[in-house]
Amino acid sequence: VAVVILKKKKKKKSRKMNRMENGHGRLEKERKRADISGKRRQHILSEEEEGRKKSGLNWQ
């Protein structure tokens, strides 16, 4: 009589969980997008300020 040891089958991760762990989740994307847009906004503002200083309009 052969005795077969039944191993507990490891539950396969859902695609959603794998994606979440890899940072493809919605929250991660939102955070990245906010970060990028924030940086872009600052960049544009600083460029505008530089332009004003060069043209000598003194912040009007």
Protein backbone atom coordinates (compact mmCIF):
# COMPACT_ATOMS: atom_id res chain seq x y z
CA VAL A 1 0.00 0.00 0.00
CA ALA A 2 1.52 3.29 -1.12
CA VAL A 3 1.05 6.19 1.25
CA VAL A 4 0.60 9.48 -0.56
CA ILE A 5 1.32 12.53 1.54
CA LEU A 6 -1.09 15.23 0.50
CA LYS A 7 0.63 18.58 0.47
CA LYS A 8 -1.40 21.67 1.09
CA LYS A 9 -1.81 23.27 -2.27
CA LYS A 10 -0.45 26.79 -2.22
CA LYS A 11 -3.17 29.19 -3.20
CA LYS A 12 -2.29 30.95 -6.43
CA LYS A 13 -2.15 34.69 -6.07
CA SER A 14 -4.76 36.54 -8.02
CA ARG A 15 -3.52 38.78 -10.81
CA LYS A 16 -4.89 41.73 -8.90
CA MET A 17 -2.74 41.00 -5.85
CA ASN A 18 0.39 40.56 -7.98
CA ARG A 19 -0.29 43.83 -9.75
CA MET A 20 -0.86 45.63 -6.45
CA GLU A 21 2.46 44.36 -5.09
CA ASN A 22 4.22 45.49 -8.25
CA GLY A 23 2.89 49.00 -7.86
CA HIS A 24 0.41 48.77 -10.73
CA GLY A 25 -2.46 49.38 -8.33
CA ARG A 26 -4.77 52.32 -8.75
CA LEU A 27 -3.61 54.04 -5.57
CA GLU A 28 0.04 53.84 -6.58
CA LYS A 29 -0.76 55.30 -9.98
CA GLU A 30 -2.79 58.13 -8.41
CA ARG A 31 0.08 58.95 -6.08
CA LYS A 32 2.64 58.96 -8.89
CA ARG A 33 0.40 61.09 -11.10
CA ALA A 34 -0.12 63.64 -8.31
CA ASP A 35 3.62 63.71 -7.68
CA ILE A 36 4.44 64.29 -11.33
CA SER A 37 1.82 67.00 -11.83
CA GLY A 38 2.98 68.73 -8.65
CA LYS A 39 6.57 68.80 -9.87
CA ARG A 40 5.49 69.99 -13.29
CA ARG A 41 3.43 72.80 -11.75
CA GLN A 42 6.38 73.99 -9.64
CA HIS A 43 8.65 73.83 -12.66
CA ILE A 44 6.33 76.00 -14.74
CA LEU A 45 5.94 78.53 -11.92
CA SER A 46 9.69 78.87 -11.43
CA GLU A 47 10.15 79.38 -15.17
CA GLU A 48 7.52 82.14 -15.19
CA GLU A 49 9.27 83.88 -12.30
CA GLU A 50 12.58 83.70 -14.12
CA GLY A 51 10.99 85.24 -17.22
CA ARG A 52 9.55 88.11 -15.20
CA LYS A 53 12.88 88.85 -13.55
CA LYS A 54 14.63 88.93 -16.92
CA SER A 55 12.04 91.20 -18.50
CA GLY A 56 12.12 93.46 -15.43
CA LEU A 57 8.37 93.56 -14.80
CA ASN A 58 8.83 93.41 -11.02
CA TRP A 59 6.04 90.96 -10.14
CA GLN A 60 3.08 92.76 -11.62
